[in-house]
């Protein structure tokens, strides 16, 4: 017999997907179909992408937001696939920039197929997503996703500029995670309101929800880089440190740790090394860096949930609230 689920915990992702089961199946079917190409290497890399796992939270938020806004049509299916294509394109490019070898517990595409193929297939996904936007023919949706794609690119450049810089402030850090992560969540939930023609109040509520959800998600990701196992996270622990990324756990530990800890973390960020990873993990823990990052993530998740207060009650609204709780309680 399965143990009873703790009522204080949000439903599992599977339960949230079940709420939109037919739509979810349609999205995954469309992703496979539209990844197809006459070019063999594109198909090989695309096949790897499809079968290497991933939570696909972004397309799920598009489906749930559309339903929560009262949408009854069918364009939310390609819209959800488009958002996933944009996200996957950024991952392909990021793994090349970061020289990553592991993602979602699998070898990255750049490790298997080379940097050139990863970059070019990322370009293919971007262009395929815009082809699909044109097919939908909703100009405001095209505008939102074009702006989001541009903002994500700017966020990645900002993050690159911040690498190996131990003087990055929390404000600078939050600007980066908004641009590179939260903006696409925000765009996806906004599309739900646009497709539904739900009006400005609903649209702004879903914009705020997506923004805070995305920021909570990234804060947790950055904490897990120092507080999870490789098996849980699906990538190598300490990857952020190896790349010299000054994320919030490090920023907080430098501000509140001892002089020796500040020096050690500063040197690690400047050199992009993991030689002292275990000691840095301890410094982050003892200084309160993990606790503070978790608290900031919880604040963002709470703001996301409250952003939906003005929406009509529905199972889809409840699912969006549950998704915000999931974002901060996950271990992967």
Protein backbone atom coordinates (compact mmCIF):
# COMPACT_ATOMS: atom_id res chain seq x y z
CA UNK A 1 0.00 0.00 0.00
CA UNK A 2 1.26 3.48 -0.91
CA UNK A 3 1.68 5.83 2.08
CA UNK A 4 -0.80 8.71 2.25
CA UNK A 5 0.50 11.93 0.74
CA UNK A 6 1.37 14.66 3.23
CA UNK A 7 -1.45 17.22 2.74
CA UNK A 8 1.02 20.05 3.44
CA UNK A 9 2.93 19.14 0.28
CA UNK A 10 1.88 20.27 -3.20
CA UNK A 11 0.73 17.68 -5.73
CA UNK A 12 3.43 16.01 -7.77
CA UNK A 13 4.31 17.23 -11.24
CA UNK A 14 2.61 14.13 -12.61
CA UNK A 15 -0.62 15.17 -10.88
CA UNK A 16 -0.40 18.67 -12.38
CA UNK A 17 0.25 17.24 -15.84
CA UNK A 18 -2.71 14.89 -15.42
CA UNK A 19 -4.97 17.92 -15.11
CA UNK A 20 -4.13 18.79 -18.73
CA UNK A 21 -3.34 15.24 -19.81
CA UNK A 22 -4.69 15.43 -23.37
CA UNK A 23 -3.01 18.78 -23.99
CA UNK A 24 0.23 17.51 -22.46
CA UNK A 25 0.26 14.50 -24.79
CA UNK A 26 -0.48 16.76 -27.75
CA UNK A 27 2.39 19.09 -26.86
CA UNK A 28 4.90 16.25 -26.58
CA UNK A 29 3.69 14.77 -29.85
CA UNK A 30 4.03 18.15 -31.57
CA UNK A 31 7.53 18.67 -30.16
CA UNK A 32 8.69 15.40 -31.71
CA UNK A 33 6.99 16.20 -35.02
CA UNK A 34 8.34 19.74 -35.38
CA UNK A 35 11.87 18.77 -34.40
CA UNK A 36 12.07 16.75 -37.59
CA UNK A 37 14.38 17.86 -40.38
CA UNK A 38 15.71 16.62 -43.72
CA UNK A 39 19.21 17.10 -42.28
CA UNK A 40 20.35 13.91 -40.52
CA UNK A 41 22.50 15.61 -37.88
CA UNK A 42 19.63 17.87 -36.84
CA UNK A 43 17.51 14.77 -36.29
CA UNK A 44 20.26 13.07 -34.27
CA UNK A 45 20.74 16.03 -31.94
CA UNK A 46 16.98 16.57 -31.70
CA UNK A 47 16.43 12.90 -30.81
CA UNK A 48 18.97 13.25 -28.02
CA UNK A 49 17.20 16.37 -26.71
CA UNK A 50 13.78 14.72 -26.69
CA UNK A 51 14.96 11.61 -24.87
CA UNK A 52 17.27 13.15 -22.26
CA UNK A 53 14.49 13.99 -19.82
CA UNK A 54 13.65 17.36 -18.37
CA UNK A 55 10.65 18.61 -16.41
CA UNK A 56 9.23 20.75 -19.23
CA UNK A 57 7.87 23.20 -16.69
CA UNK A 58 7.65 26.04 -19.18
CA UNK A 59 5.23 24.37 -21.59
CA UNK A 60 3.23 23.16 -18.57
CA UNK A 61 2.86 26.74 -17.35
CA UNK A 62 1.62 27.80 -20.80
CA UNK A 63 -1.07 25.12 -20.73
CA UNK A 64 -2.17 25.86 -17.17
CA UNK A 65 -2.10 29.65 -17.61
CA UNK A 66 -4.17 29.40 -20.80
CA UNK A 67 -6.80 27.30 -19.05
CA UNK A 68 -6.74 29.50 -15.92
CA UNK A 69 -7.40 32.51 -18.18
CA UNK A 70 -10.40 30.74 -19.73
CA UNK A 71 -8.93 29.79 -23.12
CA UNK A 72 -10.94 27.16 -24.99
CA UNK A 73 -9.09 27.03 -28.32
CA UNK A 74 -6.18 24.94 -29.54
CA UNK A 75 -3.31 27.38 -30.13
CA UNK A 76 -1.96 26.87 -26.61
CA UNK A 77 -0.58 23.52 -27.84
CA UNK A 78 1.88 24.97 -30.41
CA UNK A 79 2.50 27.92 -28.05
CA UNK A 80 3.68 25.52 -25.35
CA UNK A 81 5.93 23.70 -27.84
CA UNK A 82 7.36 27.02 -29.02
CA UNK A 83 8.32 28.01 -25.48
CA UNK A 84 10.01 24.64 -24.97
CA UNK A 85 11.94 25.05 -28.24
CA UNK A 86 13.21 28.47 -27.17
CA UNK A 87 14.24 27.09 -23.80
CA UNK A 88 16.01 24.11 -25.37
CA UNK A 89 17.86 26.37 -27.79
CA UNK A 90 19.20 28.39 -24.86
CA UNK A 91 20.34 25.18 -23.14
CA UNK A 92 22.20 24.02 -26.24
CA UNK A 93 23.99 27.36 -26.47
CA UNK A 94 24.61 27.59 -22.71
CA UNK A 95 26.25 24.17 -22.57
CA UNK A 96 28.70 25.27 -25.28
CA UNK A 97 29.46 28.58 -23.54
CA UNK A 98 29.89 26.85 -20.16
CA UNK A 99 31.70 23.80 -21.59
CA UNK A 100 29.22 21.61 -19.70
CA UNK A 101 29.46 17.85 -20.00
CA UNK A 102 26.40 16.73 -18.06
CA UNK A 103 22.77 17.85 -18.00
CA UNK A 104 19.72 15.98 -16.68
CA UNK A 105 22.00 13.07 -15.85
CA UNK A 106 22.99 12.64 -19.51
CA UNK A 107 25.92 13.73 -21.61
CA UNK A 108 25.27 17.13 -23.13
CA UNK A 109 24.73 17.49 -26.87
CA UNK A 110 28.01 19.38 -27.22
CA UNK A 111 29.85 16.47 -25.58
CA UNK A 112 28.29 13.96 -27.96
CA UNK A 113 28.07 15.92 -31.20
CA UNK A 114 30.49 18.82 -30.80
CA UNK A 115 30.11 22.53 -30.16
CA UNK A 116 29.40 23.43 -33.77
CA UNK A 117 26.45 21.03 -34.07
CA UNK A 118 25.01 22.19 -30.73
CA UNK A 119 25.14 25.85 -31.67
CA UNK A 120 23.66 25.27 -35.11
CA UNK A 121 20.85 23.01 -33.88
CA UNK A 122 20.12 25.67 -31.25
CA UNK A 123 19.75 28.12 -34.13
CA UNK A 124 17.47 25.63 -35.88
CA UNK A 125 15.23 25.49 -32.80
CA UNK A 126 15.05 29.28 -32.55
CA UNK A 127 14.08 29.59 -36.22
CA UNK A 128 11.61 26.71 -36.01
CA UNK A 129 9.91 28.38 -33.05
CA UNK A 130 9.46 31.58 -35.03
CA UNK A 131 8.06 29.64 -37.98
CA UNK A 132 5.48 28.19 -35.62
CA UNK A 133 4.65 31.63 -34.18
CA UNK A 134 3.90 32.90 -37.67
CA UNK A 135 1.63 29.90 -38.25
CA UNK A 136 -0.43 30.86 -35.19
CA UNK A 137 -0.69 34.40 -36.54
CA UNK A 138 -1.12 36.20 -33.22
CA UNK A 139 0.97 39.37 -33.51
CA UNK A 140 1.02 40.14 -29.79
CA UNK A 141 2.25 36.65 -29.04
CA UNK A 142 4.99 37.08 -31.63
CA UNK A 143 5.94 40.40 -30.04
CA UNK A 144 6.09 38.92 -26.52
CA UNK A 145 8.23 35.96 -27.54
CA UNK A 146 10.54 38.05 -29.75
CA UNK A 147 11.12 40.44 -26.84
CA UNK A 148 11.65 37.52 -24.45
CA UNK A 149 14.19 35.85 -26.74
CA UNK A 150 16.13 39.11 -27.00
CA UNK A 151 16.02 39.65 -23.23
CA UNK A 152 17.27 36.10 -22.61
CA UNK A 153 20.24 36.74 -24.90
CA UNK A 154 21.02 39.94 -23.01
CA UNK A 155 20.79 38.04 -19.73
CA UNK A 156 23.27 35.45 -20.92
CA UNK A 157 25.69 38.20 -21.95
CA UNK A 158 25.27 39.89 -18.56
CA UNK A 159 26.01 36.59 -16.84
CA UNK A 160 29.11 36.19 -19.00
CA UNK A 161 30.24 39.69 -18.00
CA UNK A 162 29.72 38.81 -14.33
CA UNK A 163 31.75 35.60 -14.49
CA UNK A 164 34.94 35.69 -12.41
CA UNK A 165 33.76 38.93 -10.77
CA UNK A 166 33.45 38.47 -6.98
CA UNK A 167 32.04 42.00 -6.55
CA UNK A 168 28.69 41.28 -8.22
CA UNK A 169 25.87 42.56 -5.99
CA UNK A 170 22.63 40.78 -5.15
CA UNK A 171 20.81 43.39 -7.25
CA UNK A 172 23.01 42.59 -10.27
CA UNK A 173 22.47 38.89 -9.70
CA UNK A 174 18.68 39.26 -9.56
CA UNK A 175 18.75 41.23 -12.82
CA UNK A 176 20.60 38.37 -14.51
CA UNK A 177 18.22 35.65 -13.32
CA UNK A 178 15.21 37.71 -14.34
CA UNK A 179 16.55 38.12 -17.84
CA UNK A 180 17.98 34.67 -18.46
CA UNK A 181 15.38 32.54 -16.69
CA UNK A 182 12.29 34.34 -15.40
CA UNK A 183 11.60 36.22 -18.63
CA UNK A 184 10.63 33.06 -20.52
CA UNK A 185 8.33 31.88 -17.70
CA UNK A 186 6.78 35.36 -17.75
CA UNK A 187 6.33 35.24 -21.52
CA UNK A 188 4.76 31.77 -21.38
CA UNK A 189 2.14 32.70 -18.80
CA UNK A 190 1.44 35.99 -20.58
CA UNK A 191 0.72 34.09 -23.79
CA UNK A 192 -2.00 32.20 -21.95
CA UNK A 193 -3.81 35.47 -21.23
CA UNK A 194 -3.24 36.80 -24.75
CA UNK A 195 -4.66 33.67 -26.40
CA UNK A 196 -7.68 33.84 -24.09
CA UNK A 197 -8.24 37.53 -24.77
CA UNK A 198 -8.59 37.79 -21.01
CA UNK A 199 -7.95 41.50 -20.58
CA UNK A 200 -5.23 43.62 -19.01
CA UNK A 201 -5.86 42.69 -15.36
CA UNK A 202 -5.61 38.95 -16.02
CA UNK A 203 -2.61 39.43 -18.29
CA UNK A 204 -0.69 41.43 -15.70
CA UNK A 205 -1.56 38.90 -13.00
CA UNK A 206 -0.12 36.09 -15.11
CA UNK A 207 2.92 38.21 -16.03
CA UNK A 208 3.68 38.74 -12.34
CA UNK A 209 3.09 35.07 -11.61
CA UNK A 210 5.48 33.93 -14.35
CA UNK A 211 8.18 36.40 -13.34
CA UNK A 212 8.15 35.40 -9.66
CA UNK A 213 7.86 31.69 -10.48
CA UNK A 214 10.91 31.91 -12.76
CA UNK A 215 12.95 33.77 -10.18
CA UNK A 216 12.03 31.25 -7.48
CA UNK A 217 13.00 28.41 -9.81
CA UNK A 218 16.43 29.88 -10.58
CA UNK A 219 17.17 30.72 -6.94
CA UNK A 220 16.53 27.09 -6.03
CA UNK A 221 18.69 25.92 -8.93
CA UNK A 222 21.57 28.06 -7.70
CA UNK A 223 21.21 26.77 -4.14
CA UNK A 224 21.07 23.15 -5.31
CA UNK A 225 24.44 23.60 -7.01
CA UNK A 226 25.91 23.57 -3.48
CA UNK A 227 23.32 21.45 -1.66
CA UNK A 228 22.44 18.45 -3.81
CA UNK A 229 24.10 15.38 -5.24
CA UNK A 230 25.02 14.85 -8.87
CA UNK A 231 22.34 12.13 -9.03
CA UNK A 232 19.65 14.49 -7.70
CA UNK A 233 20.62 17.46 -9.81
CA UNK A 234 21.50 15.67 -13.03
CA UNK A 235 24.66 17.70 -13.50
CA UNK A 236 28.02 18.03 -11.80
CA UNK A 237 27.88 19.71 -8.40
CA UNK A 238 29.92 22.90 -8.33
CA UNK A 239 29.49 23.64 -12.04
CA UNK A 240 28.59 27.25 -11.24
CA UNK A 241 31.76 27.68 -9.21
CA UNK A 242 33.87 26.03 -11.90
CA UNK A 243 32.52 28.64 -14.34
CA UNK A 244 33.22 31.49 -11.93
CA UNK A 245 29.53 32.39 -11.57
CA UNK A 246 28.83 34.55 -8.49
CA UNK A 247 25.40 33.21 -7.54
CA UNK A 248 23.43 34.25 -4.46
CA UNK A 249 24.75 31.57 -2.04
CA UNK A 250 28.29 32.78 -2.78
CA UNK A 251 27.36 36.48 -2.69
CA UNK A 252 25.74 36.03 0.73
CA UNK A 253 28.59 33.92 2.13
CA UNK A 254 31.17 36.52 1.08
CA UNK A 255 29.17 39.22 2.84
CA UNK A 256 28.54 37.30 6.07
CA UNK A 257 31.38 34.78 6.31
CA UNK A 258 34.73 35.13 8.02
CA UNK A 259 37.65 36.98 6.43
CA UNK A 260 39.26 33.66 5.52
CA UNK A 261 36.03 32.42 3.93
CA UNK A 262 35.60 35.64 1.97
CA UNK A 263 39.14 35.33 0.65
CA UNK A 264 38.65 31.67 -0.30
CA UNK A 265 35.36 32.34 -2.15
CA UNK A 266 36.70 35.44 -3.86
CA UNK A 267 39.70 33.52 -5.16
CA UNK A 268 37.48 30.64 -6.35
CA UNK A 269 35.21 33.00 -8.30
CA UNK A 270 38.16 34.84 -9.82
CA UNK A 271 39.88 31.64 -10.95
CA UNK A 272 36.81 29.49 -11.64
CA UNK A 273 38.16 26.59 -9.63
CA UNK A 274 36.55 23.87 -7.50
CA UNK A 275 39.68 22.94 -5.57
CA UNK A 276 38.09 24.15 -2.31
CA UNK A 277 34.51 23.14 -3.17
CA UNK A 278 33.91 21.20 0.04
CA UNK A 279 35.19 24.07 2.19
CA UNK A 280 33.13 26.57 0.20
CA UNK A 281 30.01 24.44 0.61
CA UNK A 282 30.63 24.47 4.37
CA UNK A 283 31.16 28.25 4.35
CA UNK A 284 27.90 28.76 2.46
CA UNK A 285 26.06 26.58 4.96
CA UNK A 286 27.55 28.06 8.14
CA UNK A 287 27.18 31.67 6.96
CA UNK A 288 23.49 31.14 6.23
CA UNK A 289 23.87 31.43 2.46
CA UNK A 290 21.71 28.40 1.70
CA UNK A 291 19.05 29.44 4.19
CA UNK A 292 18.96 32.98 2.82
CA UNK A 293 18.70 31.78 -0.79
CA UNK A 294 15.89 29.40 0.18
CA UNK A 295 14.08 32.25 1.95
CA UNK A 296 14.39 34.49 -1.10
CA UNK A 297 13.06 31.66 -3.28
CA UNK A 298 10.11 31.18 -0.93
CA UNK A 299 9.37 34.91 -1.04
CA UNK A 300 9.27 34.76 -4.83
CA UNK A 301 7.02 31.67 -4.80
CA UNK A 302 4.65 33.39 -2.37
CA UNK A 303 4.52 36.47 -4.60
CA UNK A 304 3.79 34.20 -7.56
CA UNK A 305 0.88 32.55 -5.78
CA UNK A 306 -0.59 35.85 -4.56
CA UNK A 307 -0.34 37.33 -8.06
CA UNK A 308 -3.17 34.98 -9.02
CA UNK A 309 -5.59 36.25 -6.35
CA UNK A 310 -7.64 38.21 -8.88
CA UNK A 311 -8.18 35.24 -11.20
CA UNK A 312 -11.40 33.26 -11.03
CA UNK A 313 -11.14 30.11 -8.95
CA UNK A 314 -10.49 26.96 -10.98
CA UNK A 315 -8.47 23.74 -10.80
CA UNK A 316 -6.00 25.36 -13.21
CA UNK A 317 -5.43 28.35 -10.93
CA UNK A 318 -4.90 25.92 -8.05
CA UNK A 319 -2.40 23.99 -10.16
CA UNK A 320 -0.41 27.16 -10.87
CA UNK A 321 -0.25 27.84 -7.13
CA UNK A 322 0.91 24.26 -6.55
CA UNK A 323 3.55 24.69 -9.25
CA UNK A 324 4.98 27.66 -7.34
CA UNK A 325 5.24 25.49 -4.22
CA UNK A 326 6.88 22.71 -6.23
CA UNK A 327 9.49 25.14 -7.56
CA UNK A 328 10.89 25.76 -4.08
CA UNK A 329 10.53 22.25 -2.63
CA UNK A 330 12.15 20.27 -5.40
CA UNK A 331 15.55 18.60 -5.16
CA UNK A 332 16.26 18.46 -8.89
